[in-house]
PDB file of N, CA and C in Angstrom:
ATOM      1  N   MET A   1      -9.936   6.549  -3.019  1.00  0.00           N
ATOM      2  CA  MET A   1      -8.816   7.027  -3.820  1.00  0.00           C
ATOM      3  C   MET A   1      -7.532   6.363  -3.322  1.00  0.00           C
ATOM      4  N   SER A   2      -6.707   5.893  -4.242  1.00  0.00           N
ATOM      5  CA  SER A   2      -5.472   5.223  -3.842  1.00  0.00           C
ATOM      6  C   SER A   2      -4.404   6.255  -3.474  1.00  0.00           C
ATOM      7  N   PRO A   3      -3.452   5.849  -2.615  1.00  0.00           N
ATOM      8  CA  PRO A   3      -2.399   6.780  -2.206  1.00  0.00           C
ATOM      9  C   PRO A   3      -1.576   7.233  -3.408  1.00  0.00           C
ATOM     10  N   ARG A   4      -1.076   8.427  -3.317  1.00  0.00           N
ATOM     11  CA  ARG A   4      -0.251   8.990  -4.388  1.00  0.00           C
ATOM     12  C   ARG A   4       1.016   8.166  -4.574  1.00  0.00           C
ATOM     13  N   ARG A   5       1.389   7.959  -5.806  1.00  0.00           N
ATOM     14  CA  ARG A   5       2.627   7.242  -6.139  1.00  0.00           C
ATOM     15  C   ARG A   5       3.795   8.218  -6.078  1.00  0.00           C
ATOM     16  N   THR A   6       4.948   7.696  -5.682  1.00  0.00           N
ATOM     17  CA  THR A   6       6.135   8.533  -5.536  1.00  0.00           C
ATOM     18  C   THR A   6       7.265   7.997  -6.398  1.00  0.00           C
ATOM     19  N   LEU A   7       7.926   8.903  -7.096  1.00  0.00           N
ATOM     20  CA  LEU A   7       9.127   8.608  -7.870  1.00  0.00           C
ATOM     21  C   LEU A   7      10.296   9.203  -7.110  1.00  0.00           C
ATOM     22  N   VAL A   8      11.223   8.358  -6.643  1.00  0.00           N
ATOM     23  CA  VAL A   8      12.408   8.823  -5.915  1.00  0.00           C
ATOM     24  C   VAL A   8      13.617   8.583  -6.812  1.00  0.00           C
ATOM     25  N   VAL A   9      14.368   9.642  -7.096  1.00  0.00           N
ATOM     26  CA  VAL A   9      15.504   9.557  -7.999  1.00  0.00           C
ATOM     27  C   VAL A   9      16.803   9.735  -7.217  1.00  0.00           C
ATOM     28  N   ASP A  10      17.713   8.773  -7.379  1.00  0.00           N
ATOM     29  CA  ASP A  10      19.051   8.812  -6.788  1.00  0.00           C
ATOM     30  C   ASP A  10      19.888   9.759  -7.648  1.00  0.00           C
ATOM     31  N   GLY A  11      19.934  11.017  -7.249  1.00  0.00           N
ATOM     32  CA  GLY A  11      20.571  12.040  -8.067  1.00  0.00           C
ATOM     33  C   GLY A  11      22.003  11.733  -8.439  1.00  0.00           C
ATOM     34  N   ALA A  12      22.831  11.375  -7.476  1.00  0.00           N
ATOM     35  CA  ALA A  12      24.247  11.121  -7.762  1.00  0.00           C
ATOM     36  C   ALA A  12      24.406   9.958  -8.733  1.00  0.00           C
ATOM     37  N   ASN A  13      23.621   8.925  -8.554  1.00  0.00           N
ATOM     38  CA  ASN A  13      23.730   7.746  -9.401  1.00  0.00           C
ATOM     39  C   ASN A  13      23.254   8.037 -10.819  1.00  0.00           C
ATOM     40  N   VAL A  14      22.147   8.741 -10.948  1.00  0.00           N
ATOM     41  CA  VAL A  14      21.600   9.032 -12.271  1.00  0.00           C
ATOM     42  C   VAL A  14      22.491  10.024 -13.018  1.00  0.00           C
ATOM     43  N   VAL A  15      22.961  11.059 -12.344  1.00  0.00           N
ATOM     44  CA  VAL A  15      23.869  12.018 -12.984  1.00  0.00           C
ATOM     45  C   VAL A  15      25.140  11.302 -13.433  1.00  0.00           C
ATOM     46  N   GLY A  16      25.667  10.432 -12.590  1.00  0.00           N
ATOM     47  CA  GLY A  16      26.907   9.727 -12.903  1.00  0.00           C
ATOM     48  C   GLY A  16      26.789   8.680 -13.989  1.00  0.00           C
ATOM     49  N   ALA A  17      25.566   8.365 -14.392  1.00  0.00           N
ATOM     50  CA  ALA A  17      25.352   7.330 -15.411  1.00  0.00           C
ATOM     51  C   ALA A  17      25.697   7.805 -16.818  1.00  0.00           C
ATOM     52  N   VAL A  18      25.818   9.113 -16.998  1.00  0.00           N
ATOM     53  CA  VAL A  18      26.115   9.665 -18.320  1.00  0.00           C
ATOM     54  C   VAL A  18      27.407  10.480 -18.226  1.00  0.00           C
ATOM     55  N   PRO A  19      28.462  10.061 -18.910  1.00  0.00           N
ATOM     56  CA  PRO A  19      29.746  10.776 -18.826  1.00  0.00           C
ATOM     57  C   PRO A  19      29.741  12.048 -19.678  1.00  0.00           C
ATOM     58  N   ASP A  20      29.011  13.062 -19.193  1.00  0.00           N
ATOM     59  CA  ASP A  20      28.864  14.301 -19.961  1.00  0.00           C
ATOM     60  C   ASP A  20      29.606  15.475 -19.334  1.00  0.00           C
ATOM     61  N   GLY A  21      30.589  15.179 -18.483  1.00  0.00           N
ATOM     62  CA  GLY A  21      31.353  16.233 -17.828  1.00  0.00           C
ATOM     63  C   GLY A  21      30.741  16.717 -16.531  1.00  0.00           C
ATOM     64  N   TRP A  22      29.781  15.968 -15.988  1.00  0.00           N
ATOM     65  CA  TRP A  22      29.080  16.367 -14.765  1.00  0.00           C
ATOM     66  C   TRP A  22      30.038  16.647 -13.611  1.00  0.00           C
ATOM     67  N   TRP A  23      31.186  16.010 -13.593  1.00  0.00           N
ATOM     68  CA  TRP A  23      32.130  16.146 -12.482  1.00  0.00           C
ATOM     69  C   TRP A  23      32.725  17.548 -12.402  1.00  0.00           C
ATOM     70  N   ARG A  24      32.638  18.308 -13.484  1.00  0.00           N
ATOM     71  CA  ARG A  24      33.160  19.680 -13.464  1.00  0.00           C
ATOM     72  C   ARG A  24      32.196  20.636 -12.765  1.00  0.00           C
ATOM     73  N   ASP A  25      30.912  20.272 -12.709  1.00  0.00           N
ATOM     74  CA  ASP A  25      29.897  21.127 -12.079  1.00  0.00           C
ATOM     75  C   ASP A  25      28.779  20.230 -11.551  1.00  0.00           C
ATOM     76  N   ARG A  26      29.027  19.644 -10.392  1.00  0.00           N
ATOM     77  CA  ARG A  26      28.067  18.695  -9.823  1.00  0.00           C
ATOM     78  C   ARG A  26      26.721  19.338  -9.519  1.00  0.00           C
ATOM     79  N   ALA A  27      26.747  20.543  -8.971  1.00  0.00           N
ATOM     80  CA  ALA A  27      25.480  21.214  -8.659  1.00  0.00           C
ATOM     81  C   ALA A  27      24.719  21.537  -9.947  1.00  0.00           C
ATOM     82  N   GLY A  28      25.425  21.994 -10.971  1.00  0.00           N
ATOM     83  CA  GLY A  28      24.777  22.286 -12.249  1.00  0.00           C
ATOM     84  C   GLY A  28      24.167  21.040 -12.871  1.00  0.00           C
ATOM     85  N   ALA A  29      24.884  19.920 -12.788  1.00  0.00           N
ATOM     86  CA  ALA A  29      24.355  18.656 -13.324  1.00  0.00           C
ATOM     87  C   ALA A  29      23.108  18.237 -12.561  1.00  0.00           C
ATOM     88  N   ALA A  30      23.106  18.420 -11.254  1.00  0.00           N
ATOM     89  CA  ALA A  30      21.935  18.064 -10.447  1.00  0.00           C
ATOM     90  C   ALA A  30      20.752  18.979 -10.779  1.00  0.00           C
ATOM     91  N   ARG A  31      21.027  20.267 -11.008  1.00  0.00           N
ATOM     92  CA  ARG A  31      19.947  21.187 -11.403  1.00  0.00           C
ATOM     93  C   ARG A  31      19.351  20.777 -12.750  1.00  0.00           C
ATOM     94  N   ARG A  32      20.205  20.407 -13.697  1.00  0.00           N
ATOM     95  CA  ARG A  32      19.695  19.981 -15.008  1.00  0.00           C
ATOM     96  C   ARG A  32      18.844  18.717 -14.877  1.00  0.00           C
ATOM     97  N   LEU A  33      19.306  17.775 -14.044  1.00  0.00           N
ATOM     98  CA  LEU A  33      18.516  16.565 -13.812  1.00  0.00           C
ATOM     99  C   LEU A  33      17.186  16.932 -13.171  1.00  0.00           C
ATOM    100  N   ARG A  34      17.222  17.748 -12.129  1.00  0.00           N
ATOM    101  CA  ARG A  34      15.981  18.179 -11.453  1.00  0.00           C
ATOM    102  C   ARG A  34      14.996  18.758 -12.455  1.00  0.00           C
ATOM    103  N   ASP A  35      15.477  19.662 -13.303  1.00  0.00           N
ATOM    104  CA  ASP A  35      14.595  20.320 -14.269  1.00  0.00           C
ATOM    105  C   ASP A  35      14.033  19.327 -15.280  1.00  0.00           C
ATOM    106  N   SER A  36      14.831  18.325 -15.642  1.00  0.00           N
ATOM    107  CA  SER A  36      14.358  17.329 -16.618  1.00  0.00           C
ATOM    108  C   SER A  36      13.311  16.388 -16.024  1.00  0.00           C
ATOM    109  N   LEU A  37      13.216  16.332 -14.694  1.00  0.00           N
ATOM    110  CA  LEU A  37      12.261  15.454 -14.025  1.00  0.00           C
ATOM    111  C   LEU A  37      10.858  16.057 -13.917  1.00  0.00           C
ATOM    112  N   VAL A  38      10.740  17.363 -14.099  1.00  0.00           N
ATOM    113  CA  VAL A  38       9.459  18.057 -13.897  1.00  0.00           C
ATOM    114  C   VAL A  38       8.306  17.395 -14.650  1.00  0.00           C
ATOM    115  N   PRO A  39       8.439  17.050 -15.928  1.00  0.00           N
ATOM    116  CA  PRO A  39       7.279  16.497 -16.659  1.00  0.00           C
ATOM    117  C   PRO A  39       6.745  15.180 -16.109  1.00  0.00           C
ATOM    118  N   TYR A  40       7.565  14.400 -15.411  1.00  0.00           N
ATOM    119  CA  TYR A  40       7.121  13.081 -14.962  1.00  0.00           C
ATOM    120  C   TYR A  40       5.988  13.144 -13.942  1.00  0.00           C
ATOM    121  N   GLY A  41       5.878  14.219 -13.200  1.00  0.00           N
ATOM    122  CA  GLY A  41       4.791  14.347 -12.237  1.00  0.00           C
ATOM    123  C   GLY A  41       3.432  14.282 -12.898  1.00  0.00           C
ATOM    124  N   ASP A  42       3.294  14.972 -14.025  1.00  0.00           N
ATOM    125  CA  ASP A  42       2.016  15.016 -14.748  1.00  0.00           C
ATOM    126  C   ASP A  42       1.904  13.951 -15.826  1.00  0.00           C
ATOM    127  N   ALA A  43       3.037  13.509 -16.377  1.00  0.00           N
ATOM    128  CA  ALA A  43       3.004  12.548 -17.482  1.00  0.00           C
ATOM    129  C   ALA A  43       3.133  11.099 -17.021  1.00  0.00           C
ATOM    130  N   GLY A  44       3.752  10.881 -15.852  1.00  0.00           N
ATOM    131  CA  GLY A  44       3.995   9.527 -15.385  1.00  0.00           C
ATOM    132  C   GLY A  44       5.111   8.852 -16.161  1.00  0.00           C
ATOM    133  N   LEU A  45       5.255   7.570 -15.917  1.00  0.00           N
ATOM    134  CA  LEU A  45       6.252   6.723 -16.573  1.00  0.00           C
ATOM    135  C   LEU A  45       5.565   5.427 -16.980  1.00  0.00           C
ATOM    136  N   PRO A  46       6.147   4.667 -17.897  1.00  0.00           N
ATOM    137  CA  PRO A  46       5.529   3.383 -18.257  1.00  0.00           C
ATOM    138  C   PRO A  46       5.311   2.510 -17.010  1.00  0.00           C
ATOM    139  N   GLY A  47       4.077   2.101 -16.810  1.00  0.00           N
ATOM    140  CA  GLY A  47       3.736   1.289 -15.645  1.00  0.00           C
ATOM    141  C   GLY A  47       3.513   2.095 -14.377  1.00  0.00           C
ATOM    142  N   TRP A  48       3.763   3.389 -14.445  1.00  0.00           N
ATOM    143  CA  TRP A  48       3.600   4.290 -13.296  1.00  0.00           C
ATOM    144  C   TRP A  48       2.836   5.527 -13.766  1.00  0.00           C
ATOM    145  N   PRO A  49       1.516   5.404 -13.843  1.00  0.00           N
ATOM    146  CA  PRO A  49       0.723   6.528 -14.361  1.00  0.00           C
ATOM    147  C   PRO A  49       0.740   7.738 -13.424  1.00  0.00           C
ATOM    148  N   ALA A  50       0.520   8.882 -14.032  1.00  0.00           N
ATOM    149  CA  ALA A  50       0.420  10.132 -13.273  1.00  0.00           C
ATOM    150  C   ALA A  50      -0.865  10.120 -12.453  1.00  0.00           C
ATOM    151  N   PRO A  51      -0.906  10.922 -11.419  1.00  0.00           N
ATOM    152  CA  PRO A  51       0.125  11.840 -10.970  1.00  0.00           C
ATOM    153  C   PRO A  51       1.177  11.126 -10.120  1.00  0.00           C
ATOM    154  N   LEU A  52       2.406  11.625 -10.218  1.00  0.00           N
ATOM    155  CA  LEU A  52       3.502  11.131  -9.389  1.00  0.00           C
ATOM    156  C   LEU A  52       4.065  12.281  -8.572  1.00  0.00           C
ATOM    157  N   GLU A  53       4.396  12.007  -7.327  1.00  0.00           N
ATOM    158  CA  GLU A  53       5.190  12.962  -6.568  1.00  0.00           C
ATOM    159  C   GLU A  53       6.636  12.660  -6.929  1.00  0.00           C
ATOM    160  N   VAL A  54       7.354  13.635  -7.445  1.00  0.00           N
ATOM    161  CA  VAL A  54       8.726  13.443  -7.881  1.00  0.00           C
ATOM    162  C   VAL A  54       9.671  13.987  -6.817  1.00  0.00           C
ATOM    163  N   VAL A  55      10.578  13.104  -6.350  1.00  0.00           N
ATOM    164  CA  VAL A  55      11.528  13.447  -5.300  1.00  0.00           C
ATOM    165  C   VAL A  55      12.929  13.161  -5.825  1.00  0.00           C
ATOM    166  N   LEU A  56      13.809  14.146  -5.761  1.00  0.00           N
ATOM    167  CA  LEU A  56      15.203  13.989  -6.154  1.00  0.00           C
ATOM    168  C   LEU A  56      16.052  14.078  -4.899  1.00  0.00           C
ATOM    169  N   VAL A  57      16.863  13.052  -4.654  1.00  0.00           N
ATOM    170  CA  VAL A  57      17.758  13.060  -3.499  1.00  0.00           C
ATOM    171  C   VAL A  57      19.160  13.418  -3.986  1.00  0.00           C
ATOM    172  N   VAL A  58      19.727  14.468  -3.393  1.00  0.00           N
ATOM    173  CA  VAL A  58      21.056  14.943  -3.770  1.00  0.00           C
ATOM    174  C   VAL A  58      21.976  14.893  -2.557  1.00  0.00           C
ATOM    175  N   GLU A  59      23.284  14.897  -2.853  1.00  0.00           N
ATOM    176  CA  GLU A  59      24.280  14.853  -1.781  1.00  0.00           C
ATOM    177  C   GLU A  59      25.503  15.629  -2.220  1.00  0.00           C
ATOM    178  N   GLY A  60      26.428  15.819  -1.294  1.00  0.00           N
ATOM    179  CA  GLY A  60      27.692  16.478  -1.621  1.00  0.00           C
ATOM    180  C   GLY A  60      27.495  17.880  -2.159  1.00  0.00           C
ATOM    181  N   ALA A  61      28.235  18.204  -3.225  1.00  0.00           N
ATOM    182  CA  ALA A  61      28.219  19.549  -3.803  1.00  0.00           C
ATOM    183  C   ALA A  61      26.853  19.950  -4.346  1.00  0.00           C
ATOM    184  N   ALA A  62      25.976  18.994  -4.582  1.00  0.00           N
ATOM    185  CA  ALA A  62      24.646  19.291  -5.125  1.00  0.00           C
ATOM    186  C   ALA A  62      23.629  19.637  -4.046  1.00  0.00           C
ATOM    187  N   ARG A  63      24.029  19.564  -2.779  1.00  0.00           N
ATOM    188  CA  ARG A  63      23.059  19.780  -1.694  1.00  0.00           C
ATOM    189  C   ARG A  63      22.409  21.153  -1.699  1.00  0.00           C
ATOM    190  N   GLY A  64      22.996  22.118  -2.346  1.00  0.00           N
ATOM    191  CA  GLY A  64      22.443  23.473  -2.310  1.00  0.00           C
ATOM    192  C   GLY A  64      21.317  23.735  -3.289  1.00  0.00           C
ATOM    193  N   ILE A  65      20.979  22.783  -4.135  1.00  0.00           N
ATOM    194  CA  ILE A  65      19.917  23.069  -5.106  1.00  0.00           C
ATOM    195  C   ILE A  65      18.561  22.941  -4.422  1.00  0.00           C
ATOM    196  N   GLY A  66      17.623  23.723  -4.880  1.00  0.00           N
ATOM    197  CA  GLY A  66      16.310  23.733  -4.240  1.00  0.00           C
ATOM    198  C   GLY A  66      15.233  23.074  -5.077  1.00  0.00           C
ATOM    199  N   ASP A  67      14.042  23.075  -4.504  1.00  0.00           N
ATOM    200  CA  ASP A  67      12.857  22.543  -5.181  1.00  0.00           C
ATOM    201  C   ASP A  67      12.492  23.433  -6.368  1.00  0.00           C
ATOM    202  N   VAL A  68      11.773  22.853  -7.297  1.00  0.00           N
ATOM    203  CA  VAL A  68      11.081  23.605  -8.348  1.00  0.00           C
ATOM    204  C   VAL A  68       9.666  23.050  -8.379  1.00  0.00           C
ATOM    205  N   PRO A  69       8.720  23.781  -8.938  1.00  0.00           N
ATOM    206  CA  PRO A  69       7.370  23.228  -9.017  1.00  0.00           C
ATOM    207  C   PRO A  69       7.395  21.877  -9.736  1.00  0.00           C
ATOM    208  N   GLY A  70       6.913  20.862  -9.051  1.00  0.00           N
ATOM    209  CA  GLY A  70       6.866  19.522  -9.622  1.00  0.00           C
ATOM    210  C   GLY A  70       7.969  18.588  -9.165  1.00  0.00           C
ATOM    211  N   VAL A  71       9.014  19.123  -8.528  1.00  0.00           N
ATOM    212  CA  VAL A  71      10.104  18.266  -8.029  1.00  0.00           C
ATOM    213  C   VAL A  71      10.523  18.756  -6.648  1.00  0.00           C
ATOM    214  N   ARG A  72      10.418  17.853  -5.682  1.00  0.00           N
ATOM    215  CA  ARG A  72      10.885  18.133  -4.327  1.00  0.00           C
ATOM    216  C   ARG A  72      12.310  17.604  -4.210  1.00  0.00           C
ATOM    217  N   VAL A  73      13.225  18.432  -3.736  1.00  0.00           N
ATOM    218  CA  VAL A  73      14.625  18.044  -3.589  1.00  0.00           C
ATOM    219  C   VAL A  73      14.904  17.787  -2.117  1.00  0.00           C
ATOM    220  N   LEU A  74      15.466  16.608  -1.832  1.00  0.00           N
ATOM    221  CA  LEU A  74      15.888  16.261  -0.477  1.00  0.00           C
ATOM    222  C   LEU A  74      17.411  16.213  -0.456  1.00  0.00           C
ATOM    223  N   ALA A  75      18.009  17.008   0.402  1.00  0.00           N
ATOM    224  CA  ALA A  75      19.467  17.033   0.531  1.00  0.00           C
ATOM    225  C   ALA A  75      19.883  16.061   1.620  1.00  0.00           C
ATOM    226  N   ALA A  76      20.749  15.130   1.269  1.00  0.00           N
ATOM    227  CA  ALA A  76      21.250  14.163   2.250  1.00  0.00           C
ATOM    228  C   ALA A  76      22.342  14.823   3.064  1.00  0.00           C
ATOM    229  N   GLU A  77      22.186  14.810   4.358  1.00  0.00           N
ATOM    230  CA  GLU A  77      23.230  15.357   5.232  1.00  0.00           C
ATOM    231  C   GLU A  77      24.418  14.407   5.303  1.00  0.00           C
ATOM    232  N   GLY A  78      24.146  13.121   5.220  1.00  0.00           N
ATOM    233  CA  GLY A  78      25.195  12.103   5.244  1.00  0.00           C
ATOM    234  C   GLY A  78      25.102  11.281   3.975  1.00  0.00           C
ATOM    235  N   SER A  79      24.774  10.026   4.136  1.00  0.00           N
ATOM    236  CA  SER A  79      24.674   9.101   3.007  1.00  0.00           C
ATOM    237  C   SER A  79      23.423   9.361   2.181  1.00  0.00           C
ATOM    238  N   GLY A  80      23.619   9.536   0.880  1.00  0.00           N
ATOM    239  CA  GLY A  80      22.480   9.685  -0.019  1.00  0.00           C
ATOM    240  C   GLY A  80      21.603   8.443  -0.009  1.00  0.00           C
ATOM    241  N   ASP A  81      22.240   7.280   0.057  1.00  0.00           N
ATOM    242  CA  ASP A  81      21.471   6.032   0.082  1.00  0.00           C
ATOM    243  C   ASP A  81      20.567   5.967   1.305  1.00  0.00           C
ATOM    244  N   ASP A  82      21.100   6.364   2.461  1.00  0.00           N
ATOM    245  CA  ASP A  82      20.278   6.351   3.675  1.00  0.00           C
ATOM    246  C   ASP A  82      19.097   7.302   3.550  1.00  0.00           C
ATOM    247  N   ARG A  83      19.302   8.461   2.907  1.00  0.00           N
ATOM    248  CA  ARG A  83      18.213   9.427   2.745  1.00  0.00           C
ATOM    249  C   ARG A  83      17.152   8.881   1.786  1.00  0.00           C
ATOM    250  N   ILE A  84      17.593   8.151   0.767  1.00  0.00           N
ATOM    251  CA  ILE A  84      16.646   7.542  -0.169  1.00  0.00           C
ATOM    252  C   ILE A  84      15.818   6.481   0.543  1.00  0.00           C
ATOM    253  N   VAL A  85      16.457   5.658   1.345  1.00  0.00           N
ATOM    254  CA  VAL A  85      15.734   4.635   2.110  1.00  0.00           C
ATOM    255  C   VAL A  85      14.702   5.302   3.018  1.00  0.00           C
ATOM    256  N   ARG A  86      15.080   6.393   3.657  1.00  0.00           N
ATOM    257  CA  ARG A  86      14.145   7.107   4.525  1.00  0.00           C
ATOM    258  C   ARG A  86      12.982   7.686   3.713  1.00  0.00           C
ATOM    259  N   ALA A  87      13.269   8.222   2.525  1.00  0.00           N
ATOM    260  CA  ALA A  87      12.209   8.763   1.672  1.00  0.00           C
ATOM    261  C   ALA A  87      11.218   7.672   1.277  1.00  0.00           C
ATOM    262  N   VAL A  88      11.730   6.485   0.984  1.00  0.00           N
ATOM    263  CA  VAL A  88      10.853   5.363   0.640  1.00  0.00           C
ATOM    264  C   VAL A  88       9.993   4.982   1.844  1.00  0.00           C
ATOM    265  N   ALA A  89      10.603   4.912   3.010  1.00  0.00           N
ATOM    266  CA  ALA A  89       9.872   4.542   4.221  1.00  0.00           C
ATOM    267  C   ALA A  89       8.783   5.567   4.546  1.00  0.00           C
ATOM    268  N   GLU A  90       9.005   6.838   4.197  1.00  0.00           N
ATOM    269  CA  GLU A  90       8.054   7.913   4.498  1.00  0.00           C
ATOM    270  C   GLU A  90       6.989   8.089   3.414  1.00  0.00           C
ATOM    271  N   ALA A  91       7.168   7.475   2.255  1.00  0.00           N
ATOM    272  CA  ALA A  91       6.240   7.666   1.139  1.00  0.00           C
ATOM    273  C   ALA A  91       4.857   7.123   1.505  1.00  0.00           C
ATOM    274  N   PRO A  92       3.802   7.842   1.105  1.00  0.00           N
ATOM    275  CA  PRO A  92       2.450   7.448   1.484  1.00  0.00           C
ATOM    276  C   PRO A  92       1.869   6.278   0.698  1.00  0.00           C
ATOM    277  N   GLY A  93       2.529   5.904  -0.387  1.00  0.00           N
ATOM    278  CA  GLY A  93       1.990   4.846  -1.234  1.00  0.00           C
ATOM    279  C   GLY A  93       3.079   4.185  -2.044  1.00  0.00           C
ATOM    280  N   PRO A  94       2.717   3.572  -3.159  1.00  0.00           N
ATOM    281  CA  PRO A  94       3.689   2.876  -3.995  1.00  0.00           C
ATOM    282  C   PRO A  94       4.834   3.799  -4.416  1.00  0.00           C
ATOM    283  N   THR A  95       6.042   3.236  -4.448  1.00  0.00           N
ATOM    284  CA  THR A  95       7.227   4.039  -4.731  1.00  0.00           C
ATOM    285  C   THR A  95       8.110   3.350  -5.762  1.00  0.00           C
ATOM    286  N   LEU A  96       8.586   4.142  -6.714  1.00  0.00           N
ATOM    287  CA  LEU A  96       9.555   3.698  -7.701  1.00  0.00           C
ATOM    288  C   LEU A  96      10.848   4.443  -7.444  1.00  0.00           C
ATOM    289  N   VAL A  97      11.946   3.703  -7.264  1.00  0.00           N
ATOM    290  CA  VAL A  97      13.259   4.307  -7.037  1.00  0.00           C
ATOM    291  C   VAL A  97      14.091   4.119  -8.302  1.00  0.00           C
ATOM    292  N   VAL A  98      14.658   5.214  -8.789  1.00  0.00           N
ATOM    293  CA  VAL A  98      15.512   5.164  -9.967  1.00  0.00           C
ATOM    294  C   VAL A  98      16.962   5.215  -9.515  1.00  0.00           C
ATOM    295  N   THR A  99      17.658   4.092  -9.712  1.00  0.00           N
ATOM    296  CA  THR A  99      19.071   3.964  -9.350  1.00  0.00           C
ATOM    297  C   THR A  99      19.627   2.712 -10.010  1.00  0.00           C
ATOM    298  N   ALA A 100      20.947   2.689 -10.162  1.00  0.00           N
ATOM    299  CA  ALA A 100      21.626   1.476 -10.632  1.00  0.00           C
ATOM    300  C   ALA A 100      22.395   0.808  -9.500  1.00  0.00           C
ATOM    301  N   ASP A 101      22.315   1.388  -8.316  1.00  0.00           N
ATOM    302  CA  ASP A 101      23.059   0.895  -7.152  1.00  0.00           C
ATOM    303  C   ASP A 101      22.395  -0.384  -6.625  1.00  0.00           C
ATOM    304  N   ARG A 102      23.085  -1.501  -6.756  1.00  0.00           N
ATOM    305  CA  ARG A 102      22.495  -2.799  -6.380  1.00  0.00           C
ATOM    306  C   ARG A 102      22.158  -2.895  -4.894  1.00  0.00           C
ATOM    307  N   GLU A 103      23.046  -2.414  -4.040  1.00  0.00           N
ATOM    308  CA  GLU A 103      22.783  -2.489  -2.599  1.00  0.00           C
ATOM    309  C   GLU A 103      21.598  -1.604  -2.224  1.00  0.00           C
ATOM    310  N   LEU A 104      21.522  -0.421  -2.794  1.00  0.00           N
ATOM    311  CA  LEU A 104      20.384   0.459  -2.532  1.00  0.00           C
ATOM    312  C   LEU A 104      19.094  -0.188  -3.030  1.00  0.00           C
ATOM    313  N   ARG A 105      19.140  -0.796  -4.184  1.00  0.00           N
ATOM    314  CA  ARG A 105      17.958  -1.503  -4.700  1.00  0.00           C
ATOM    315  C   ARG A 105      17.490  -2.558  -3.697  1.00  0.00           C
ATOM    316  N   ARG A 106      18.418  -3.329  -3.180  1.00  0.00           N
ATOM    317  CA  ARG A 106      18.068  -4.365  -2.207  1.00  0.00           C
ATOM    318  C   ARG A 106      17.379  -3.742  -0.997  1.00  0.00           C
ATOM    319  N   ARG A 107      17.915  -2.651  -0.509  1.00  0.00           N
ATOM    320  CA  ARG A 107      17.370  -2.010   0.692  1.00  0.00           C
ATOM    321  C   ARG A 107      15.955  -1.474   0.468  1.00  0.00           C
ATOM    322  N   VAL A 108      15.724  -0.815  -0.673  1.00  0.00           N
ATOM    323  CA  VAL A 108      14.395  -0.235  -0.887  1.00  0.00           C
ATOM    324  C   VAL A 108      13.375  -1.277  -1.313  1.00  0.00           C
ATOM    325  N   GLU A 109      13.828  -2.305  -2.014  1.00  0.00           N
ATOM    326  CA  GLU A 109      12.892  -3.393  -2.361  1.00  0.00           C
ATOM    327  C   GLU A 109      12.414  -4.108  -1.104  1.00  0.00           C
ATOM    328  N   ALA A 110      13.275  -4.187  -0.091  1.00  0.00           N
ATOM    329  CA  ALA A 110      12.875  -4.787   1.185  1.00  0.00           C
ATOM    330  C   ALA A 110      11.752  -3.988   1.848  1.00  0.00           C
ATOM    331  N   LEU A 111      11.631  -2.715   1.485  1.00  0.00           N
ATOM    332  CA  LEU A 111      10.559  -1.861   2.006  1.00  0.00           C
ATOM    333  C   LEU A 111       9.331  -1.857   1.094  1.00  0.00           C
ATOM    334  N   GLY A 112       9.394  -2.616  -0.011  1.00  0.00           N
ATOM    335  CA  GLY A 112       8.261  -2.710  -0.917  1.00  0.00           C
ATOM    336  C   GLY A 112       8.343  -1.829  -2.154  1.00  0.00           C
ATOM    337  N   ALA A 113       9.424  -1.076  -2.313  1.00  0.00           N
ATOM    338  CA  ALA A 113       9.562  -0.218  -3.496  1.00  0.00           C
ATOM    339  C   ALA A 113       9.920  -1.045  -4.721  1.00  0.00           C
ATOM    340  N   GLU A 114       9.592  -0.511  -5.873  1.00  0.00           N
ATOM    341  CA  GLU A 114      10.072  -1.058  -7.137  1.00  0.00           C
ATOM    342  C   GLU A 114      11.277  -0.225  -7.559  1.00  0.00           C
ATOM    343  N   CYS A 115      12.107  -0.793  -8.441  1.00  0.00           N
ATOM    344  CA  CYS A 115      13.297  -0.077  -8.889  1.00  0.00           C
ATOM    345  C   CYS A 115      13.399  -0.098 -10.406  1.00  0.00           C
ATOM    346  N   ALA A 116      14.031   0.944 -10.927  1.00  0.00           N
ATOM    347  CA  ALA A 116      14.304   1.051 -12.359  1.00  0.00           C
ATOM    348  C   ALA A 116      15.662   1.713 -12.516  1.00  0.00           C
ATOM    349  N   GLY A 117      16.288   1.486 -13.650  1.00  0.00           N
ATOM    350  CA  GLY A 117      17.603   2.041 -13.917  1.00  0.00           C
ATOM    351  C   GLY A 117      17.564   3.488 -14.348  1.00  0.00           C
ATOM    352  N   PRO A 118      18.738   4.140 -14.387  1.00  0.00           N
ATOM    353  CA  PRO A 118      18.825   5.560 -14.747  1.00  0.00           C
ATOM    354  C   PRO A 118      18.227   5.910 -16.110  1.00  0.00           C
ATOM    355  N   ARG A 119      18.252   4.986 -17.059  1.00  0.00           N
ATOM    356  CA  ARG A 119      17.696   5.297 -18.381  1.00  0.00           C
ATOM    357  C   ARG A 119      16.208   5.560 -18.333  1.00  0.00           C
ATOM    358  N   THR A 120      15.563   5.194 -17.251  1.00  0.00           N
ATOM    359  CA  THR A 120      14.133   5.466 -17.089  1.00  0.00           C
ATOM    360  C   THR A 120      13.868   6.960 -17.167  1.00  0.00           C
ATOM    361  N   VAL A 121      14.793   7.749 -16.648  1.00  0.00           N
ATOM    362  CA  VAL A 121      14.612   9.213 -16.644  1.00  0.00           C
ATOM    363  C   VAL A 121      15.704   9.937 -17.428  1.00  0.00           C
ATOM    364  N   ARG A 122      16.694   9.198 -17.944  1.00  0.00           N
ATOM    365  CA  ARG A 122      17.768   9.795 -18.765  1.00  0.00           C
ATOM    366  C   ARG A 122      17.961   8.966 -20.010  1.00  0.00           C
ATOM    367  N   PRO A 123      17.212   9.271 -21.066  1.00  0.00           N
ATOM    368  CA  PRO A 123      17.307   8.455 -22.293  1.00  0.00           C
ATOM    369  C   PRO A 123      18.698   8.489 -22.917  1.00  0.00           C
TER     370      PRO A 123
END
């Protein structure tokens, strides 16, 4: 059996990709994103079949949100990017990172992860 695939989502970057007023309630925006990610664990993504372990990395005001069934939330104590890199390094198998951050993409690709933009999980 092949190792489980992991989807790591850069919460701040993905939330910030849509100007829907997220800045008025950062924690609420992160909760909505977390909840919208639940189906991907069982449904997968194009080129990334299920099952996927779904991991959302949050920082700042969003750090207080918790896990829900199907999405594990990691709160960054410092840099969200550093926590994402650590999550990729700890993943047991292939990893897809969702972010538009070019420097973060470079860092996780150096660890063997693939990357996709925010529209992958936010149509």
